[in-house]
């Protein structure tokens, strides 16, 4: 297979390009996705090669983007909508919850909405207000939506194609702070990829404690595992990849071996994904646990100003501190 080293951003671009090539019903739409190539250049060059009828610069109206995409999806297209920044998605929230998520159910299965909503999310880039959010729990809580997030270039390349090929509406979360990180990508990989779209993966095997993460925090968890190994402690890191439906099979197997679990995410802890994950692991692995399931999350405040966001975001030290606490019980 042809393998190249690409950034996550370039891998997503390559995946979108392949989807456009393979299916004439795929259209990309959003603010500045065409001539500019997107603010993060994820769609760079696509309008030039596929034309402005398939890579469409829209007005600055998120509700209009999603509403138009619903109509296109009903008529047989596969729209891929870009929400320029995570904090811009809220004007479209009504369309996503009231139309995108419910149309299939409301029509008793007669209508499909095969659309993808791409959202760069999370902090770590020093952005201004409304440009750093972690809205995943809103969407994962909404019945009728599927929610996935990539953490490395290979997954970005494969998962975006899998999401576009799906007949279900999918919120596709992209960790913006990781856009420039590089990794190997198999460009000839089959559409199924190394993993199904809605499956977790073991990012690093270990024996002493399990660390669950997704999106931008997978790299942080892996860095914590590397640091822990220097002290003789082997952490197993699991990249969840899919937030709705949650795939915790690998997590259950891991926790039953290690007896300890730490869940990491950037979003606030109150009613975050970590709460649901901790509850399920406690139910499934109760007799294997040597300590409570602990969470390392953002704080229950709005994202702070850029100059102090590093104090807000979970980091290596906070993950390692939580792991240490699991050994204190």
Protein backbone atom coordinates (compact mmCIF):
# COMPACT_ATOMS: atom_id res chain seq x y z
CA UNK A 1 0.00 0.00 0.00
CA UNK A 2 1.08 3.58 -0.66
CA UNK A 3 1.96 5.16 2.67
CA UNK A 4 2.69 8.85 3.12
CA UNK A 5 3.47 10.99 6.14
CA UNK A 6 0.74 13.62 6.39
CA UNK A 7 -0.59 16.07 8.93
CA UNK A 8 -4.09 15.43 10.22
CA UNK A 9 -5.29 18.41 8.17
CA UNK A 10 -3.75 17.06 4.95
CA UNK A 11 -5.12 13.58 5.67
CA UNK A 12 -8.64 14.97 6.04
CA UNK A 13 -8.17 16.86 2.78
CA UNK A 14 -7.09 13.66 1.05
CA UNK A 15 -10.06 11.78 2.47
CA UNK A 16 -12.50 14.45 1.29
CA UNK A 17 -10.87 14.44 -2.14
CA UNK A 18 -11.27 10.68 -2.43
CA UNK A 19 -14.92 10.87 -1.38
CA UNK A 20 -15.58 13.54 -4.05
CA UNK A 21 -13.87 11.38 -6.67
CA UNK A 22 -15.75 8.22 -5.74
CA UNK A 23 -19.28 9.60 -5.54
CA UNK A 24 -20.68 12.47 -7.68
CA UNK A 25 -23.44 12.97 -5.09
CA UNK A 26 -20.93 14.17 -2.47
CA UNK A 27 -20.95 17.96 -2.05
CA UNK A 28 -18.99 20.09 0.40
CA UNK A 29 -20.50 23.31 1.71
CA UNK A 30 -19.61 25.90 4.29
CA UNK A 31 -18.15 29.32 4.96
CA UNK A 32 -14.96 29.92 2.95
CA UNK A 33 -14.52 26.22 2.08
CA UNK A 34 -14.10 26.97 -1.64
CA UNK A 35 -11.77 29.64 -2.88
CA UNK A 36 -10.01 30.05 0.47
CA UNK A 37 -9.92 26.32 1.23
CA UNK A 38 -11.30 26.78 4.74
CA UNK A 39 -9.76 28.71 7.62
CA UNK A 40 -7.67 25.64 8.48
CA UNK A 41 -7.16 24.83 4.76
CA UNK A 42 -8.83 21.43 5.15
CA UNK A 43 -10.66 21.88 1.83
CA UNK A 44 -7.70 23.51 0.08
CA UNK A 45 -7.72 22.96 -3.69
CA UNK A 46 -11.00 21.03 -3.79
CA UNK A 47 -13.12 23.75 -5.41
CA UNK A 48 -10.45 24.31 -8.06
CA UNK A 49 -10.52 20.61 -8.98
CA UNK A 50 -14.21 19.80 -8.54
CA UNK A 51 -15.92 23.12 -9.26
CA UNK A 52 -18.12 25.49 -7.32
CA UNK A 53 -21.22 23.29 -7.73
CA UNK A 54 -19.65 20.59 -5.55
CA UNK A 55 -17.51 22.69 -3.19
CA UNK A 56 -19.81 25.54 -2.29
CA UNK A 57 -19.02 28.77 -0.49
CA UNK A 58 -22.12 29.58 1.57
CA UNK A 59 -23.36 32.72 3.28
CA UNK A 60 -22.38 33.22 6.93
CA UNK A 61 -25.49 31.43 8.20
CA UNK A 62 -24.97 28.11 9.97
CA UNK A 63 -28.68 27.40 10.24
CA UNK A 64 -29.00 27.96 6.50
CA UNK A 65 -26.06 25.66 5.77
CA UNK A 66 -27.56 22.78 7.76
CA UNK A 67 -31.11 23.39 6.55
CA UNK A 68 -29.99 23.40 2.91
CA UNK A 69 -28.00 20.22 3.50
CA UNK A 70 -31.07 18.46 4.91
CA UNK A 71 -32.92 19.21 1.68
CA UNK A 72 -30.00 17.98 -0.40
CA UNK A 73 -29.75 14.78 1.64
CA UNK A 74 -33.45 14.05 1.21
CA UNK A 75 -32.97 14.43 -2.57
CA UNK A 76 -30.17 11.87 -2.67
CA UNK A 77 -27.03 13.95 -2.21
CA UNK A 78 -24.39 13.38 0.47
CA UNK A 79 -23.63 16.86 1.81
CA UNK A 80 -20.57 17.49 3.96
CA UNK A 81 -21.08 20.68 5.97
CA UNK A 82 -18.19 22.53 7.58
CA UNK A 83 -18.90 24.55 10.68
CA UNK A 84 -15.95 26.91 10.65
CA UNK A 85 -15.38 26.86 14.43
CA UNK A 86 -17.02 24.86 17.21
CA UNK A 87 -18.49 27.99 18.80
CA UNK A 88 -20.34 28.81 15.58
CA UNK A 89 -22.47 25.65 15.63
CA UNK A 90 -25.10 26.92 18.05
CA UNK A 91 -27.16 28.89 15.51
CA UNK A 92 -27.51 25.55 13.66
CA UNK A 93 -28.34 23.58 16.79
CA UNK A 94 -32.09 23.79 16.23
CA UNK A 95 -31.76 22.41 12.69
CA UNK A 96 -29.44 19.63 13.86
CA UNK A 97 -31.62 18.51 16.77
CA UNK A 98 -35.07 19.15 15.28
CA UNK A 99 -34.47 18.08 11.67
CA UNK A 100 -31.20 16.23 11.10
CA UNK A 101 -31.56 13.93 14.11
CA UNK A 102 -35.29 13.25 13.81
CA UNK A 103 -36.15 13.00 10.11
CA UNK A 104 -35.45 9.27 9.81
CA UNK A 105 -37.51 8.47 12.91
CA UNK A 106 -40.30 10.88 12.01
CA UNK A 107 -40.67 9.28 8.57
CA UNK A 108 -40.82 5.76 10.07
CA UNK A 109 -37.56 4.91 8.34
CA UNK A 110 -38.63 6.05 4.87
CA UNK A 111 -36.26 9.06 4.72
CA UNK A 112 -32.51 8.89 5.20
CA UNK A 113 -30.29 11.89 5.98
CA UNK A 114 -26.80 10.86 4.78
CA UNK A 115 -24.94 14.00 5.80
CA UNK A 116 -21.76 14.82 7.70
CA UNK A 117 -21.31 17.90 9.88
CA UNK A 118 -17.60 18.64 10.31
CA UNK A 119 -16.74 20.66 13.41
CA UNK A 120 -13.19 21.69 14.43
CA UNK A 121 -13.37 21.56 18.23
CA UNK A 122 -11.42 21.97 21.43
CA UNK A 123 -8.81 24.40 22.68
CA UNK A 124 -5.07 24.67 22.49
CA UNK A 125 -4.64 27.13 19.61
CA UNK A 126 -4.90 30.40 21.54
CA UNK A 127 -8.16 31.38 19.88
CA UNK A 128 -10.46 34.24 20.82
CA UNK A 129 -13.94 33.95 22.31
CA UNK A 130 -16.41 31.65 20.47
CA UNK A 131 -13.54 29.84 18.74
CA UNK A 132 -12.82 27.15 21.35
CA UNK A 133 -15.58 24.88 22.60
CA UNK A 134 -16.14 21.21 23.38
CA UNK A 135 -19.78 20.63 22.37
CA UNK A 136 -19.65 16.86 22.00
CA UNK A 137 -22.02 16.04 24.87
CA UNK A 138 -24.82 18.11 23.28
CA UNK A 139 -24.73 15.94 20.18
CA UNK A 140 -23.97 12.60 21.81
CA UNK A 141 -27.03 13.13 24.02
CA UNK A 142 -29.25 13.69 20.98
CA UNK A 143 -30.95 10.51 19.80
CA UNK A 144 -30.72 10.11 16.04
CA UNK A 145 -27.21 11.53 15.68
CA UNK A 146 -23.97 9.62 15.49
CA UNK A 147 -20.85 11.36 16.80
CA UNK A 148 -17.25 10.44 16.00
CA UNK A 149 -13.86 12.07 16.46
CA UNK A 150 -10.47 11.31 14.94
CA UNK A 151 -7.17 11.64 16.79
CA UNK A 152 -4.49 10.92 14.17
CA UNK A 153 -3.94 11.31 10.42
CA UNK A 154 -4.79 7.70 9.50
CA UNK A 155 -8.10 7.87 11.32
CA UNK A 156 -8.82 11.29 9.84
CA UNK A 157 -8.32 9.91 6.34
CA UNK A 158 -10.34 6.74 6.85
CA UNK A 159 -13.06 7.99 9.18
CA UNK A 160 -14.11 10.97 7.07
CA UNK A 161 -14.66 8.65 4.11
CA UNK A 162 -16.55 6.15 6.25
CA UNK A 163 -18.74 8.91 7.65
CA UNK A 164 -19.58 10.28 4.19
CA UNK A 165 -20.46 6.78 2.97
CA UNK A 166 -22.81 6.20 5.92
CA UNK A 167 -26.56 6.62 5.44
CA UNK A 168 -26.88 8.18 8.90
CA UNK A 169 -26.28 11.81 9.93
CA UNK A 170 -22.89 12.06 11.57
CA UNK A 171 -21.30 14.85 13.60
CA UNK A 172 -17.60 14.61 12.75
CA UNK A 173 -15.44 16.32 15.38
CA UNK A 174 -11.92 17.33 14.39
CA UNK A 175 -9.39 18.23 17.12
CA UNK A 176 -8.14 21.54 15.80
CA UNK A 177 -5.04 21.63 18.00
CA UNK A 178 -3.89 18.40 16.28
CA UNK A 179 -4.35 19.55 12.66
CA UNK A 180 -0.61 20.04 12.21
CA UNK A 181 0.60 16.80 13.84
CA UNK A 182 2.03 14.26 11.40
CA UNK A 183 1.64 10.52 11.04
CA UNK A 184 1.67 7.70 8.46
CA UNK A 185 -1.38 7.35 6.23
CA UNK A 186 -2.16 4.40 3.98
CA UNK A 187 -3.76 6.15 1.02
CA UNK A 188 -4.85 2.86 -0.60
CA UNK A 189 -6.52 1.57 2.55
CA UNK A 190 -9.98 0.07 1.94
CA UNK A 191 -13.00 2.17 2.90
CA UNK A 192 -13.55 0.01 5.98
CA UNK A 193 -10.17 1.19 7.25
CA UNK A 194 -8.25 -0.58 9.98
CA UNK A 195 -11.30 -0.22 12.24
CA UNK A 196 -15.03 0.16 11.64
CA UNK A 197 -16.24 3.73 12.06
CA UNK A 198 -17.95 3.06 15.38
CA UNK A 199 -15.20 1.13 17.14
CA UNK A 200 -12.62 2.05 19.76
CA UNK A 201 -8.97 1.06 19.45
CA UNK A 202 -6.11 0.31 21.80
CA UNK A 203 -3.62 3.11 21.13
CA UNK A 204 -1.02 1.74 23.55
CA UNK A 205 -1.15 -1.58 25.44
CA UNK A 206 -0.45 -1.64 29.17
CA UNK A 207 -1.03 -3.62 32.32
CA UNK A 208 -1.27 -1.29 35.33
CA UNK A 209 -4.11 1.19 34.62
CA UNK A 210 -6.44 2.09 31.78
CA UNK A 211 -6.65 5.62 30.38
CA UNK A 212 -9.62 6.37 28.11
CA UNK A 213 -9.49 9.42 25.85
CA UNK A 214 -10.73 10.72 22.52
CA UNK A 215 -9.89 13.42 20.01
CA UNK A 216 -7.33 15.97 21.22
CA UNK A 217 -6.68 14.19 24.51
CA UNK A 218 -5.43 10.94 22.96
CA UNK A 219 -2.01 12.52 22.38
CA UNK A 220 -1.99 13.85 25.96
CA UNK A 221 -2.84 10.37 27.28
CA UNK A 222 -0.09 8.78 25.18
CA UNK A 223 2.43 11.34 26.45
CA UNK A 224 1.35 10.54 30.02
CA UNK A 225 1.83 6.83 29.33
CA UNK A 226 5.33 7.47 28.03
CA UNK A 227 6.17 9.46 31.16
CA UNK A 228 4.66 6.81 33.43
CA UNK A 229 6.73 4.09 31.76
CA UNK A 230 9.90 5.86 32.91
CA UNK A 231 8.74 5.13 36.47
CA UNK A 232 7.93 1.51 35.66
CA UNK A 233 4.15 1.91 35.35
CA UNK A 234 2.52 0.68 32.13
CA UNK A 235 -0.66 2.51 31.16
CA UNK A 236 -3.05 1.15 28.55
CA UNK A 237 -4.42 3.99 26.41
CA UNK A 238 -7.68 3.50 24.53
CA UNK A 239 -8.82 5.91 21.84
CA UNK A 240 -12.61 5.81 21.98
CA UNK A 241 -13.06 7.28 18.45
CA UNK A 242 -16.86 7.00 18.58
CA UNK A 243 -18.89 8.94 21.15
CA UNK A 244 -22.35 7.92 19.98
CA UNK A 245 -22.75 5.03 19.83
CA UNK A 246 -20.12 4.46 22.51
CA UNK A 247 -17.96 1.38 21.98
CA UNK A 248 -16.60 0.33 25.37
CA UNK A 249 -15.81 -3.31 24.61
CA UNK A 250 -12.06 -2.69 24.58
CA UNK A 251 -12.38 -0.53 27.70
CA UNK A 252 -14.22 -3.27 29.62
CA UNK A 253 -11.61 -5.85 28.65
CA UNK A 254 -8.81 -3.51 29.66
CA UNK A 255 -10.28 -2.46 33.02
CA UNK A 256 -10.97 -6.08 33.97
CA UNK A 257 -7.22 -6.66 33.53
CA UNK A 258 -5.84 -3.47 35.07
CA UNK A 259 -8.45 -2.79 37.77
CA UNK A 260 -8.02 0.97 37.40
CA UNK A 261 -9.48 3.53 35.00
CA UNK A 262 -9.05 7.23 34.27
CA UNK A 263 -11.23 9.03 31.69
CA UNK A 264 -9.83 12.17 30.06
CA UNK A 265 -11.60 14.86 28.02
CA UNK A 266 -11.37 18.63 27.49
CA UNK A 267 -15.06 19.33 27.98
CA UNK A 268 -16.36 20.29 31.44
CA UNK A 269 -16.79 17.39 33.85
CA UNK A 270 -20.39 18.09 34.83
CA UNK A 271 -22.59 15.78 32.72
CA UNK A 272 -19.70 15.24 30.30
CA UNK A 273 -18.97 12.05 28.36
CA UNK A 274 -16.74 10.97 31.24
CA UNK A 275 -19.75 10.69 33.55
CA UNK A 276 -21.52 8.22 31.25
CA UNK A 277 -18.34 6.26 30.62
CA UNK A 278 -17.55 6.02 34.33
CA UNK A 279 -21.08 4.82 35.07
CA UNK A 280 -20.97 2.12 32.42
CA UNK A 281 -17.53 0.88 33.47
CA UNK A 282 -18.63 0.75 37.10
CA UNK A 283 -21.68 -1.29 36.14
CA UNK A 284 -19.79 -3.68 33.89
CA UNK A 285 -16.48 -4.01 35.75
CA UNK A 286 -17.50 -3.45 39.39
CA UNK A 287 -15.86 -6.57 40.80
CA UNK A 288 -12.63 -5.94 38.89
CA UNK A 289 -12.12 -2.35 40.01
CA UNK A 290 -9.44 -1.64 42.61
CA UNK A 291 -10.45 2.05 42.83
CA UNK A 292 -13.22 4.36 41.63
CA UNK A 293 -13.19 5.44 38.00
CA UNK A 294 -11.64 8.92 37.99
CA UNK A 295 -12.13 11.77 35.50
CA UNK A 296 -9.69 14.40 34.27
CA UNK A 297 -11.62 17.12 32.47
CA UNK A 298 -11.92 20.81 31.74
CA UNK A 299 -13.45 22.91 34.48
CA UNK A 300 -17.13 23.85 34.76
CA UNK A 301 -16.57 27.32 33.35
CA UNK A 302 -16.64 28.80 29.85
CA UNK A 303 -13.41 28.34 27.91
CA UNK A 304 -11.06 30.97 29.32
CA UNK A 305 -9.03 33.61 27.55
CA UNK A 306 -6.21 32.27 25.41
CA UNK A 307 -3.48 33.39 27.80
CA UNK A 308 -4.74 31.05 30.54
CA UNK A 309 -6.24 28.19 28.53
CA UNK A 310 -3.31 25.91 29.36
CA UNK A 311 -4.41 26.09 33.00
CA UNK A 312 -7.89 25.00 31.90
CA UNK A 313 -7.02 22.14 29.55
CA UNK A 314 -6.11 18.73 31.00
CA UNK A 315 -2.41 18.06 30.67
CA UNK A 316 0.11 15.31 31.28
CA UNK A 317 0.55 16.19 34.96
CA UNK A 318 -3.17 16.08 35.71
CA UNK A 319 -3.51 12.70 34.00
CA UNK A 320 -0.56 11.27 35.91
CA UNK A 321 -1.92 12.68 39.19
CA UNK A 322 -5.24 10.90 38.58
CA UNK A 323 -3.41 7.65 37.80
CA UNK A 324 -1.46 8.04 41.05
CA UNK A 325 -4.70 8.52 42.96
CA UNK A 326 -6.11 5.27 41.60
CA UNK A 327 -3.21 3.49 43.27
CA UNK A 328 -3.98 5.17 46.61
CA UNK A 329 -7.14 3.18 47.32
